[in-house]
C-alpha atoms as a PDB file:
ATOM      1  CA  MET A   1       0.000   0.000   0.000  1.00  0.00           C
ATOM      2  CA  ASP A   2       1.337   3.408  -0.968  1.00  0.00           C
ATOM      3  CA  ILE A   3      -0.619   6.627  -0.472  1.00  0.00           C
ATOM      4  CA  LYS A   4       1.512   8.414  -3.070  1.00  0.00           C
ATOM      5  CA  TYR A   5      -0.679   6.737  -5.710  1.00  0.00           C
ATOM      6  CA  LEU A   6      -3.859   8.285  -4.350  1.00  0.00           C
ATOM      7  CA  PHE A   7      -3.790  10.858  -7.172  1.00  0.00           C
ATOM      8  CA  ARG A   8      -1.043   9.400  -9.336  1.00  0.00           C
ATOM      9  CA  ASP A   9      -1.151   6.559 -11.871  1.00  0.00           C
ATOM     10  CA  ASN A  10       0.067   3.232 -10.489  1.00  0.00           C
ATOM     11  CA  ILE A  11       1.066   1.563 -13.761  1.00  0.00           C
ATOM     12  CA  PHE A  12       1.296  -2.244 -14.016  1.00  0.00           C
ATOM     13  CA  GLY A  13       1.700  -2.603 -17.785  1.00  0.00           C
ATOM     14  CA  ASP A  14       1.244  -6.218 -18.908  1.00  0.00           C
ATOM     15  CA  ASP A  15       1.592  -7.612 -15.378  1.00  0.00           C
ATOM     16  CA  PRO A  16      -0.897 -10.524 -15.100  1.00  0.00           C
ATOM     17  CA  TYR A  17      -1.883  -9.148 -11.704  1.00  0.00           C
ATOM     18  CA  ALA A  18      -2.693  -5.655 -12.976  1.00  0.00           C
ATOM     19  CA  PRO A  19      -5.772  -3.981 -11.451  1.00  0.00           C
ATOM     20  CA  ASN A  20      -9.114  -4.669 -13.104  1.00  0.00           C
ATOM     21  CA  GLU A  21     -12.877  -4.658 -12.622  1.00  0.00           C
ATOM     22  CA  GLU A  22     -15.002  -7.666 -11.806  1.00  0.00           C
ATOM     23  CA  GLU A  23     -18.604  -7.111 -12.935  1.00  0.00           C
ATOM     24  CA  LEU A  24     -20.696  -9.104 -10.492  1.00  0.00           C
ATOM     25  CA  LEU A  25     -24.258 -10.368 -10.328  1.00  0.00           C
ATOM     26  CA  MET A  26     -24.522 -10.905  -6.596  1.00  0.00           C
ATOM     27  CA  LYS A  27     -27.255 -13.104  -5.228  1.00  0.00           C
ATOM     28  CA  GLY A  28     -29.325 -11.110  -2.766  1.00  0.00           C
ATOM     29  CA  ASN A  29     -32.385 -12.086  -0.769  1.00  0.00           C
ATOM     30  CA  ARG A  30     -34.682 -10.641  -3.445  1.00  0.00           C
ATOM     31  CA  GLY A  31     -32.754 -11.678  -6.548  1.00  0.00           C
ATOM     32  CA  THR A  32     -29.812 -10.236  -8.437  1.00  0.00           C
ATOM     33  CA  LEU A  33     -27.858  -7.216  -7.223  1.00  0.00           C
ATOM     34  CA  PHE A  34     -25.544  -5.473  -9.675  1.00  0.00           C
ATOM     35  CA  ALA A  35     -22.073  -4.846  -8.273  1.00  0.00           C
ATOM     36  CA  VAL A  36     -18.523  -4.089  -9.347  1.00  0.00           C
ATOM     37  CA  LEU A  37     -15.353  -5.103  -7.545  1.00  0.00           C
ATOM     38  CA  PHE A  38     -12.484  -2.714  -8.283  1.00  0.00           C
ATOM     39  CA  ARG A  39      -9.543  -5.062  -7.803  1.00  0.00           C
ATOM     40  CA  ALA A  40      -6.209  -3.667  -6.692  1.00  0.00           C
ATOM     41  CA  GLY A  41      -3.057  -4.650  -8.548  1.00  0.00           C
ATOM     42  CA  GLY A  42      -0.674  -7.275  -7.206  1.00  0.00           C
ATOM     43  CA  ASN A  43      -1.021 -10.904  -6.153  1.00  0.00           C
ATOM     44  CA  GLU A  44      -0.962 -10.251  -2.407  1.00  0.00           C
ATOM     45  CA  LYS A  45      -3.991 -10.098  -0.119  1.00  0.00           C
ATOM     46  CA  HIS A  46      -5.585  -6.657  -0.219  1.00  0.00           C
ATOM     47  CA  PRO A  47      -7.559  -4.754   2.406  1.00  0.00           C
ATOM     48  CA  SER A  48     -11.065  -4.387   1.010  1.00  0.00           C
ATOM     49  CA  VAL A  49     -13.826  -1.789   1.253  1.00  0.00           C
ATOM     50  CA  LEU A  50     -17.587  -2.110   0.847  1.00  0.00           C
ATOM     51  CA  LEU A  51     -18.609   1.283  -0.606  1.00  0.00           C
ATOM     52  CA  LEU A  52     -22.313   2.105  -0.153  1.00  0.00           C
ATOM     53  CA  HIS A  53     -23.943   4.880  -2.169  1.00  0.00           C
ATOM     54  CA  GLY A  54     -26.810   7.124  -1.143  1.00  0.00           C
ATOM     55  CA  TYR A  55     -30.417   7.660  -2.179  1.00  0.00           C
ATOM     56  CA  PRO A  56     -31.403   7.111  -4.951  1.00  0.00           C
ATOM     57  CA  GLY A  57     -27.889   6.407  -6.249  1.00  0.00           C
ATOM     58  CA  ASN A  58     -26.937   9.262  -8.571  1.00  0.00           C
ATOM     59  CA  GLU A  59     -23.704   9.957  -6.676  1.00  0.00           C
ATOM     60  CA  GLN A  60     -21.794   6.679  -6.429  1.00  0.00           C
ATOM     61  CA  ASN A  61     -18.438   8.075  -5.255  1.00  0.00           C
ATOM     62  CA  LEU A  62     -16.536   6.088  -7.859  1.00  0.00           C
ATOM     63  CA  ASP A  63     -13.721   8.646  -7.776  1.00  0.00           C
ATOM     64  CA  ILE A  64     -13.097   7.479  -4.217  1.00  0.00           C
ATOM     65  CA  ALA A  65     -13.260   3.836  -5.307  1.00  0.00           C
ATOM     66  CA  GLN A  66     -10.660   4.382  -8.045  1.00  0.00           C
ATOM     67  CA  ALA A  67      -8.343   6.329  -5.743  1.00  0.00           C
ATOM     68  CA  LEU A  68      -8.483   3.683  -3.004  1.00  0.00           C
ATOM     69  CA  ARG A  69      -7.829   0.967  -5.594  1.00  0.00           C
ATOM     70  CA  ARG A  70      -4.659   2.792  -6.752  1.00  0.00           C
ATOM     71  CA  VAL A  71      -3.431   2.844  -3.148  1.00  0.00           C
ATOM     72  CA  GLY A  72      -3.976  -0.905  -2.788  1.00  0.00           C
ATOM     73  CA  PHE A  73      -7.563  -1.491  -1.635  1.00  0.00           C
ATOM     74  CA  ASN A  74     -10.130  -3.704  -3.294  1.00  0.00           C
ATOM     75  CA  VAL A  75     -13.415  -1.762  -3.430  1.00  0.00           C
ATOM     76  CA  LEU A  76     -16.836  -3.381  -3.835  1.00  0.00           C
ATOM     77  CA  THR A  77     -19.659  -1.092  -4.985  1.00  0.00           C
ATOM     78  CA  MET A  78     -23.243  -2.188  -5.455  1.00  0.00           C
ATOM     79  CA  HIS A  79     -26.826  -1.173  -6.147  1.00  0.00           C
ATOM     80  CA  TYR A  80     -29.704  -2.059  -3.821  1.00  0.00           C
ATOM     81  CA  SER A  81     -32.837  -4.112  -4.406  1.00  0.00           C
ATOM     82  CA  GLY A  82     -35.311  -2.328  -6.647  1.00  0.00           C
ATOM     83  CA  SER A  83     -32.778   0.274  -7.787  1.00  0.00           C
ATOM     84  CA  TRP A  84     -31.068   0.775 -11.133  1.00  0.00           C
ATOM     85  CA  GLY A  85     -32.366  -2.489 -12.599  1.00  0.00           C
ATOM     86  CA  CYS A  86     -31.752  -4.765  -9.608  1.00  0.00           C
ATOM     87  CA  ASP A  87     -34.407  -7.335  -8.730  1.00  0.00           C
ATOM     88  CA  GLY A  88     -36.907  -6.851  -5.932  1.00  0.00           C
ATOM     89  CA  LYS A  89     -38.557  -3.970  -4.154  1.00  0.00           C
ATOM     90  CA  PHE A  90     -36.717  -0.912  -2.926  1.00  0.00           C
ATOM     91  CA  SER A  91     -37.126  -0.157   0.770  1.00  0.00           C
ATOM     92  CA  PHE A  92     -34.906   1.136   3.538  1.00  0.00           C
ATOM     93  CA  ALA A  93     -35.040  -2.235   5.302  1.00  0.00           C
ATOM     94  CA  ASN A  94     -33.938  -3.904   2.061  1.00  0.00           C
ATOM     95  CA  VAL A  95     -31.046  -1.431   1.749  1.00  0.00           C
ATOM     96  CA  LEU A  96     -29.824  -2.534   5.177  1.00  0.00           C
ATOM     97  CA  ASP A  97     -30.213  -6.194   4.211  1.00  0.00           C
ATOM     98  CA  ASP A  98     -28.422  -5.672   0.887  1.00  0.00           C
ATOM     99  CA  ALA A  99     -25.504  -3.997   2.671  1.00  0.00           C
ATOM    100  CA  LYS A 100     -25.144  -7.168   4.730  1.00  0.00           C
ATOM    101  CA  THR A 101     -25.131  -9.156   1.461  1.00  0.00           C
ATOM    102  CA  GLY A 102     -22.245  -7.018   0.194  1.00  0.00           C
ATOM    103  CA  LEU A 103     -20.324  -7.506   3.430  1.00  0.00           C
ATOM    104  CA  ALA A 104     -20.961 -11.250   3.312  1.00  0.00           C
ATOM    105  CA  PHE A 105     -19.472 -11.326  -0.208  1.00  0.00           C
ATOM    106  CA  LEU A 106     -16.224  -9.855   1.109  1.00  0.00           C
ATOM    107  CA  GLN A 107     -16.253 -12.187   4.108  1.00  0.00           C
ATOM    108  CA  ASP A 108     -16.847 -15.354   2.055  1.00  0.00           C
ATOM    109  CA  GLU A 109     -13.759 -17.589   2.150  1.00  0.00           C
ATOM    110  CA  GLU A 110     -14.009 -18.608  -1.506  1.00  0.00           C
ATOM    111  CA  ASN A 111     -14.322 -14.995  -2.616  1.00  0.00           C
ATOM    112  CA  GLN A 112     -11.366 -14.078  -0.428  1.00  0.00           C
ATOM    113  CA  LYS A 113      -9.226 -16.657  -2.220  1.00  0.00           C
ATOM    114  CA  LEU A 114     -10.528 -15.742  -5.678  1.00  0.00           C
ATOM    115  CA  TYR A 115     -10.181 -11.963  -5.341  1.00  0.00           C
ATOM    116  CA  ASN A 116      -7.219 -11.675  -2.928  1.00  0.00           C
ATOM    117  CA  ILE A 117      -9.313 -10.206  -0.112  1.00  0.00           C
ATOM    118  CA  ASP A 118      -7.553  -9.853   3.232  1.00  0.00           C
ATOM    119  CA  PRO A 119     -10.060 -11.274   5.764  1.00  0.00           C
ATOM    120  CA  ASP A 120      -8.497  -9.260   8.588  1.00  0.00           C
ATOM    121  CA  ASN A 121      -8.909  -5.910   6.872  1.00  0.00           C
ATOM    122  CA  ILE A 122     -12.493  -5.427   5.712  1.00  0.00           C
ATOM    123  CA  PHE A 123     -14.027  -1.947   5.948  1.00  0.00           C
ATOM    124  CA  VAL A 124     -17.368  -0.281   5.228  1.00  0.00           C
ATOM    125  CA  VAL A 125     -17.646   3.242   3.806  1.00  0.00           C
ATOM    126  CA  GLY A 126     -20.955   4.897   2.911  1.00  0.00           C
ATOM    127  CA  HIS A 127     -22.378   8.272   1.946  1.00  0.00           C
ATOM    128  CA  SER A 128     -25.766   9.717   2.994  1.00  0.00           C
ATOM    129  CA  MET A 129     -28.188   6.757   2.934  1.00  0.00           C
ATOM    130  CA  GLY A 130     -25.036   4.675   2.498  1.00  0.00           C
ATOM    131  CA  GLY A 131     -23.764   6.239   5.730  1.00  0.00           C
ATOM    132  CA  PHE A 132     -27.050   5.235   7.371  1.00  0.00           C
ATOM    133  CA  ALA A 133     -26.465   1.674   6.095  1.00  0.00           C
ATOM    134  CA  THR A 134     -22.805   1.775   7.137  1.00  0.00           C
ATOM    135  CA  LEU A 135     -23.680   2.571  10.746  1.00  0.00           C
ATOM    136  CA  HIS A 136     -26.434  -0.043  10.946  1.00  0.00           C
ATOM    137  CA  THR A 137     -24.177  -2.668   9.332  1.00  0.00           C
ATOM    138  CA  THR A 138     -21.397  -1.841  11.780  1.00  0.00           C
ATOM    139  CA  ALA A 139     -23.815  -2.297  14.668  1.00  0.00           C
ATOM    140  CA  ASP A 140     -25.308  -5.543  13.374  1.00  0.00           C
ATOM    141  CA  CYS A 141     -22.316  -7.393  11.892  1.00  0.00           C
ATOM    142  CA  SER A 142     -18.969  -8.705  13.075  1.00  0.00           C
ATOM    143  CA  GLY A 143     -15.648  -8.776  11.245  1.00  0.00           C
ATOM    144  CA  ILE A 144     -15.556  -5.078  10.261  1.00  0.00           C
ATOM    145  CA  LYS A 145     -12.114  -3.560  10.954  1.00  0.00           C
ATOM    146  CA  GLY A 146     -13.381   0.030  10.677  1.00  0.00           C
ATOM    147  CA  ALA A 147     -16.171   2.136   9.206  1.00  0.00           C
ATOM    148  CA  ILE A 148     -16.490   5.605   7.694  1.00  0.00           C
ATOM    149  CA  ALA A 149     -19.826   7.409   7.340  1.00  0.00           C
ATOM    150  CA  LEU A 150     -19.892  10.424   5.018  1.00  0.00           C
ATOM    151  CA  ALA A 151     -22.715  12.904   5.665  1.00  0.00           C
ATOM    152  CA  PRO A 152     -24.844  10.087   7.130  1.00  0.00           C
ATOM    153  CA  PHE A 153     -28.601  10.643   6.891  1.00  0.00           C
ATOM    154  CA  ASP A 154     -30.447   9.112   9.837  1.00  0.00           C
ATOM    155  CA  PHE A 155     -33.838   8.252   8.321  1.00  0.00           C
ATOM    156  CA  GLY A 156     -35.323   7.264  11.667  1.00  0.00           C
ATOM    157  CA  ARG A 157     -34.371  10.469  13.454  1.00  0.00           C
ATOM    158  CA  GLU A 158     -35.213  12.651  10.442  1.00  0.00           C
ATOM    159  CA  TYR A 159     -38.702  11.160  10.171  1.00  0.00           C
ATOM    160  CA  MET A 160     -39.280  11.805  13.858  1.00  0.00           C
ATOM    161  CA  LEU A 161     -38.095  15.427  13.597  1.00  0.00           C
ATOM    162  CA  ALA A 162     -40.193  16.010  10.474  1.00  0.00           C
ATOM    163  CA  GLN A 163     -43.374  15.480  12.468  1.00  0.00           C
ATOM    164  CA  THR A 164     -42.881  18.756  14.344  1.00  0.00           C
ATOM    165  CA  ASP A 165     -40.270  20.716  12.353  1.00  0.00           C
ATOM    166  CA  ASP A 166     -41.312  22.126   8.963  1.00  0.00           C
ATOM    167  CA  SER A 167     -37.719  22.550   7.766  1.00  0.00           C
ATOM    168  CA  GLU A 168     -36.959  18.885   8.487  1.00  0.00           C
ATOM    169  CA  LYS A 169     -40.252  17.900   6.863  1.00  0.00           C
ATOM    170  CA  GLU A 170     -39.115  19.684   3.695  1.00  0.00           C
ATOM    171  CA  VAL A 171     -35.764  17.873   3.817  1.00  0.00           C
ATOM    172  CA  MET A 172     -37.573  14.528   4.053  1.00  0.00           C
ATOM    173  CA  GLU A 173     -40.462  14.985   1.629  1.00  0.00           C
ATOM    174  CA  GLY A 174     -38.721  16.544  -1.362  1.00  0.00           C
ATOM    175  CA  PRO A 175     -35.809  14.113  -1.838  1.00  0.00           C
ATOM    176  CA  ILE A 176     -37.865  11.016  -1.000  1.00  0.00           C
ATOM    177  CA  ALA A 177     -40.578  11.929  -3.496  1.00  0.00           C
ATOM    178  CA  PHE A 178     -38.005  12.736  -6.193  1.00  0.00           C
ATOM    179  CA  GLY A 179     -35.894   9.631  -5.550  1.00  0.00           C
ATOM    180  CA  ALA A 180     -38.867   7.279  -5.564  1.00  0.00           C
ATOM    181  CA  GLU A 181     -39.371   8.076  -9.260  1.00  0.00           C
ATOM    182  CA  TRP A 182     -36.100   6.285  -9.984  1.00  0.00           C
ATOM    183  CA  LEU A 183     -36.830   3.218  -7.873  1.00  0.00           C
ATOM    184  CA  ASN A 184     -39.168   0.255  -7.692  1.00  0.00           C
ATOM    185  CA  THR A 185     -41.360   1.811  -4.994  1.00  0.00           C
ATOM    186  CA  THR A 186     -43.513   4.851  -4.285  1.00  0.00           C
ATOM    187  CA  TRP A 187     -42.924   7.730  -1.896  1.00  0.00           C
ATOM    188  CA  GLN A 188     -46.083   6.702  -0.032  1.00  0.00           C
ATOM    189  CA  GLU A 189     -44.649   3.242   0.628  1.00  0.00           C
ATOM    190  CA  LEU A 190     -41.366   4.728   1.845  1.00  0.00           C
ATOM    191  CA  TYR A 191     -43.125   7.107   4.210  1.00  0.00           C
ATOM    192  CA  LYS A 192     -45.243   4.295   5.622  1.00  0.00           C
ATOM    193  CA  GLU A 193     -42.109   2.242   6.183  1.00  0.00           C
ATOM    194  CA  LEU A 194     -40.499   5.108   8.082  1.00  0.00           C
ATOM    195  CA  LYS A 195     -43.624   5.592  10.170  1.00  0.00           C
ATOM    196  CA  ASP A 196     -43.856   1.880  10.999  1.00  0.00           C
ATOM    197  CA  HIS A 197     -40.141   1.387  11.746  1.00  0.00           C
ATOM    198  CA  GLN A 198     -38.937   4.789  12.935  1.00  0.00           C
ATOM    199  CA  LYS A 199     -37.421   3.612  16.203  1.00  0.00           C
ATOM    200  CA  GLU A 200     -35.529   0.660  14.761  1.00  0.00           C
ATOM    201  CA  PHE A 201     -34.099   2.880  12.011  1.00  0.00           C
ATOM    202  CA  GLU A 202     -32.908   5.567  14.443  1.00  0.00           C
ATOM    203  CA  ILE A 203     -29.169   5.070  14.696  1.00  0.00           C
ATOM    204  CA  GLU A 204     -28.501   6.399  18.188  1.00  0.00           C
ATOM    205  CA  TYR A 205     -30.251   3.384  19.710  1.00  0.00           C
ATOM    206  CA  LYS A 206     -27.420   1.244  18.316  1.00  0.00           C
ATOM    207  CA  ALA A 207     -24.658   3.492  19.675  1.00  0.00           C
ATOM    208  CA  GLU A 208     -23.459   0.827  22.124  1.00  0.00           C
ATOM    209  CA  GLN A 209     -22.898  -1.737  19.347  1.00  0.00           C
ATOM    210  CA  ILE A 210     -21.367   0.760  16.918  1.00  0.00           C
ATOM    211  CA  ALA A 211     -18.906   2.037  19.521  1.00  0.00           C
ATOM    212  CA  ASP A 212     -17.035  -1.281  19.538  1.00  0.00           C
ATOM    213  CA  THR A 213     -15.714  -0.642  15.997  1.00  0.00           C
ATOM    214  CA  PRO A 214     -13.260   2.115  14.965  1.00  0.00           C
ATOM    215  CA  LEU A 215     -15.372   4.787  13.264  1.00  0.00           C
ATOM    216  CA  LEU A 216     -14.915   8.072  11.439  1.00  0.00           C
ATOM    217  CA  ILE A 217     -17.888  10.296  10.647  1.00  0.00           C
ATOM    218  CA  ILE A 218     -17.309  13.175   8.215  1.00  0.00           C
ATOM    219  CA  GLY A 219     -19.932  15.898   8.042  1.00  0.00           C
ATOM    220  CA  GLY A 220     -20.355  18.926   5.822  1.00  0.00           C
ATOM    221  CA  SER A 221     -20.783  22.190   7.704  1.00  0.00           C
ATOM    222  CA  ASN A 222     -22.839  23.607   4.786  1.00  0.00           C
ATOM    223  CA  ASP A 223     -24.916  20.462   4.320  1.00  0.00           C
ATOM    224  CA  ASN A 224     -28.627  21.343   4.231  1.00  0.00           C
ATOM    225  CA  VAL A 225     -29.699  17.736   3.657  1.00  0.00           C
ATOM    226  CA  ALA A 226     -27.958  15.732   6.381  1.00  0.00           C
ATOM    227  CA  LYS A 227     -27.509  18.662   8.742  1.00  0.00           C
ATOM    228  CA  VAL A 228     -24.635  17.884  11.074  1.00  0.00           C
ATOM    229  CA  SER A 229     -26.549  19.113  14.128  1.00  0.00           C
ATOM    230  CA  VAL A 230     -29.090  16.295  13.799  1.00  0.00           C
ATOM    231  CA  ASN A 231     -27.050  13.745  11.837  1.00  0.00           C
ATOM    232  CA  GLY A 232     -23.246  13.475  11.631  1.00  0.00           C
ATOM    233  CA  LYS A 233     -22.102  15.493  14.651  1.00  0.00           C
ATOM    234  CA  TYR A 234     -25.123  14.430  16.691  1.00  0.00           C
ATOM    235  CA  LEU A 235     -24.464  10.745  15.986  1.00  0.00           C
ATOM    236  CA  ALA A 236     -20.722  11.016  16.575  1.00  0.00           C
ATOM    237  CA  ASP A 237     -21.374  12.571  19.981  1.00  0.00           C
ATOM    238  CA  LYS A 238     -23.900   9.866  20.920  1.00  0.00           C
ATOM    239  CA  ILE A 239     -21.539   7.058  19.895  1.00  0.00           C
ATOM    240  CA  ALA A 240     -18.477   8.671  21.492  1.00  0.00           C
ATOM    241  CA  ALA A 241     -20.434   9.112  24.735  1.00  0.00           C
ATOM    242  CA  VAL A 242     -20.499   5.331  25.146  1.00  0.00           C
ATOM    243  CA  GLY A 243     -16.849   5.714  26.125  1.00  0.00           C
ATOM    244  CA  LYS A 244     -15.016   3.201  23.936  1.00  0.00           C
ATOM    245  CA  GLY A 245     -12.696   5.874  22.488  1.00  0.00           C
ATOM    246  CA  LYS A 246     -12.942   4.583  18.924  1.00  0.00           C
ATOM    247  CA  THR A 247     -15.113   7.279  17.338  1.00  0.00           C
ATOM    248  CA  ASP A 248     -13.714  10.292  15.481  1.00  0.00           C
ATOM    249  CA  TYR A 249     -15.561  13.167  13.860  1.00  0.00           C
ATOM    250  CA  MET A 250     -14.442  15.778  11.387  1.00  0.00           C
ATOM    251  CA  GLU A 251     -16.269  18.486   9.480  1.00  0.00           C
ATOM    252  CA  LEU A 252     -15.471  19.873   6.044  1.00  0.00           C
ATOM    253  CA  PRO A 253     -16.757  23.281   4.854  1.00  0.00           C
ATOM    254  CA  SER A 254     -18.837  21.790   2.071  1.00  0.00           C
ATOM    255  CA  THR A 255     -22.318  20.590   1.128  1.00  0.00           C
ATOM    256  CA  HIS A 256     -23.951  17.171   1.108  1.00  0.00           C
ATOM    257  CA  CYS A 257     -21.886  15.497  -1.625  1.00  0.00           C
ATOM    258  CA  PHE A 258     -18.687  17.454  -0.865  1.00  0.00           C
ATOM    259  CA  PRO A 259     -18.519  18.582  -4.522  1.00  0.00           C
ATOM    260  CA  ASP A 260     -15.778  21.178  -4.005  1.00  0.00           C
ATOM    261  CA  MET A 261     -13.695  19.080  -1.604  1.00  0.00           C
ATOM    262  CA  ARG A 262     -13.386  15.704  -3.296  1.00  0.00           C
ATOM    263  CA  ILE A 263      -9.580  15.663  -3.007  1.00  0.00           C
ATOM    264  CA  THR A 264      -9.592  16.467   0.703  1.00  0.00           C
ATOM    265  CA  LEU A 265     -12.434  14.007   1.320  1.00  0.00           C
ATOM    266  CA  THR A 266     -10.602  11.206  -0.487  1.00  0.00           C
ATOM    267  CA  GLU A 267      -7.348  11.958   1.326  1.00  0.00           C
ATOM    268  CA  GLU A 268      -9.022  11.836   4.734  1.00  0.00           C
ATOM    269  CA  ILE A 269     -10.733   8.540   3.926  1.00  0.00           C
ATOM    270  CA  ALA A 270      -7.513   6.974   2.644  1.00  0.00           C
ATOM    271  CA  LYS A 271      -5.417   8.168   5.582  1.00  0.00           C
ATOM    272  CA  LYS A 272      -7.904   6.789   8.092  1.00  0.00           C
ATOM    273  CA  LEU A 273      -8.235   3.426   6.349  1.00  0.00           C
ATOM    274  CA  ILE A 274      -4.460   3.025   6.058  1.00  0.00           C
ATOM    275  CA  SER A 275      -4.027   3.889   9.742  1.00  0.00           C
ATOM    276  CA  TRP A 276      -6.449   1.102  10.628  1.00  0.00           C
ATOM    277  CA  VAL A 277      -4.672  -1.383   8.349  1.00  0.00           C
ATOM    278  CA  GLU A 278      -1.327  -0.534   9.929  1.00  0.00           C
ATOM    279  CA  ALA A 279      -2.586  -0.486  13.523  1.00  0.00           C
END
């Protein structure tokens, strides 16, 4: 692993172990999930990242995937049930289940042999809804070396706040209604799901479980979607309060997708992941 290749070509030429892409049809609990494994170059075992995108999936953070691959990480990206042509129905519960399917792929012994996945260095990184899934996956699953949540959007807490706060209601209703047009669902179904499962979706109730895993949350101080006061910073404080000393928080002066700070964002992710690998 060499961070100097984060923004520099790492050329392998005709090396049979040059980096490549594995286009995958992963078997999920509702059918096929489309995924891509960005394989790092070299025949050694590689630390590997499950990279989870947000809602509805327009921003996939593939620049981060490519940069991490150049440094020496395998990166698995995927779409969720009922999104972008994948089988099944889209729902927030299914997103959480699909994230576990992606993690299970990286933790499968046969896949680890086939794709040179280091079983001792598996990480989860997610943005927005992917950050929501990252934190739930970290709470619910074992074998994760570390996790990074970028502008995490806590659907459970946001739904609760939207019942009494008009500004939070606007944050919830607009994006959910727009995103549902791209997915195999309706905004009415998504709202009913949030109403029926608000407490189990609210991340702070899993703070105790999350706190056992090294975690970095990165928020955007100008983010008007996942406002740090009720999402990233709020969650980091709740998890850190458990007292395990494994939770870090940082804030970048940017908006929800960090569009003007992609280099800094990628550097911070890479530095944190490498520190965990070398710990």
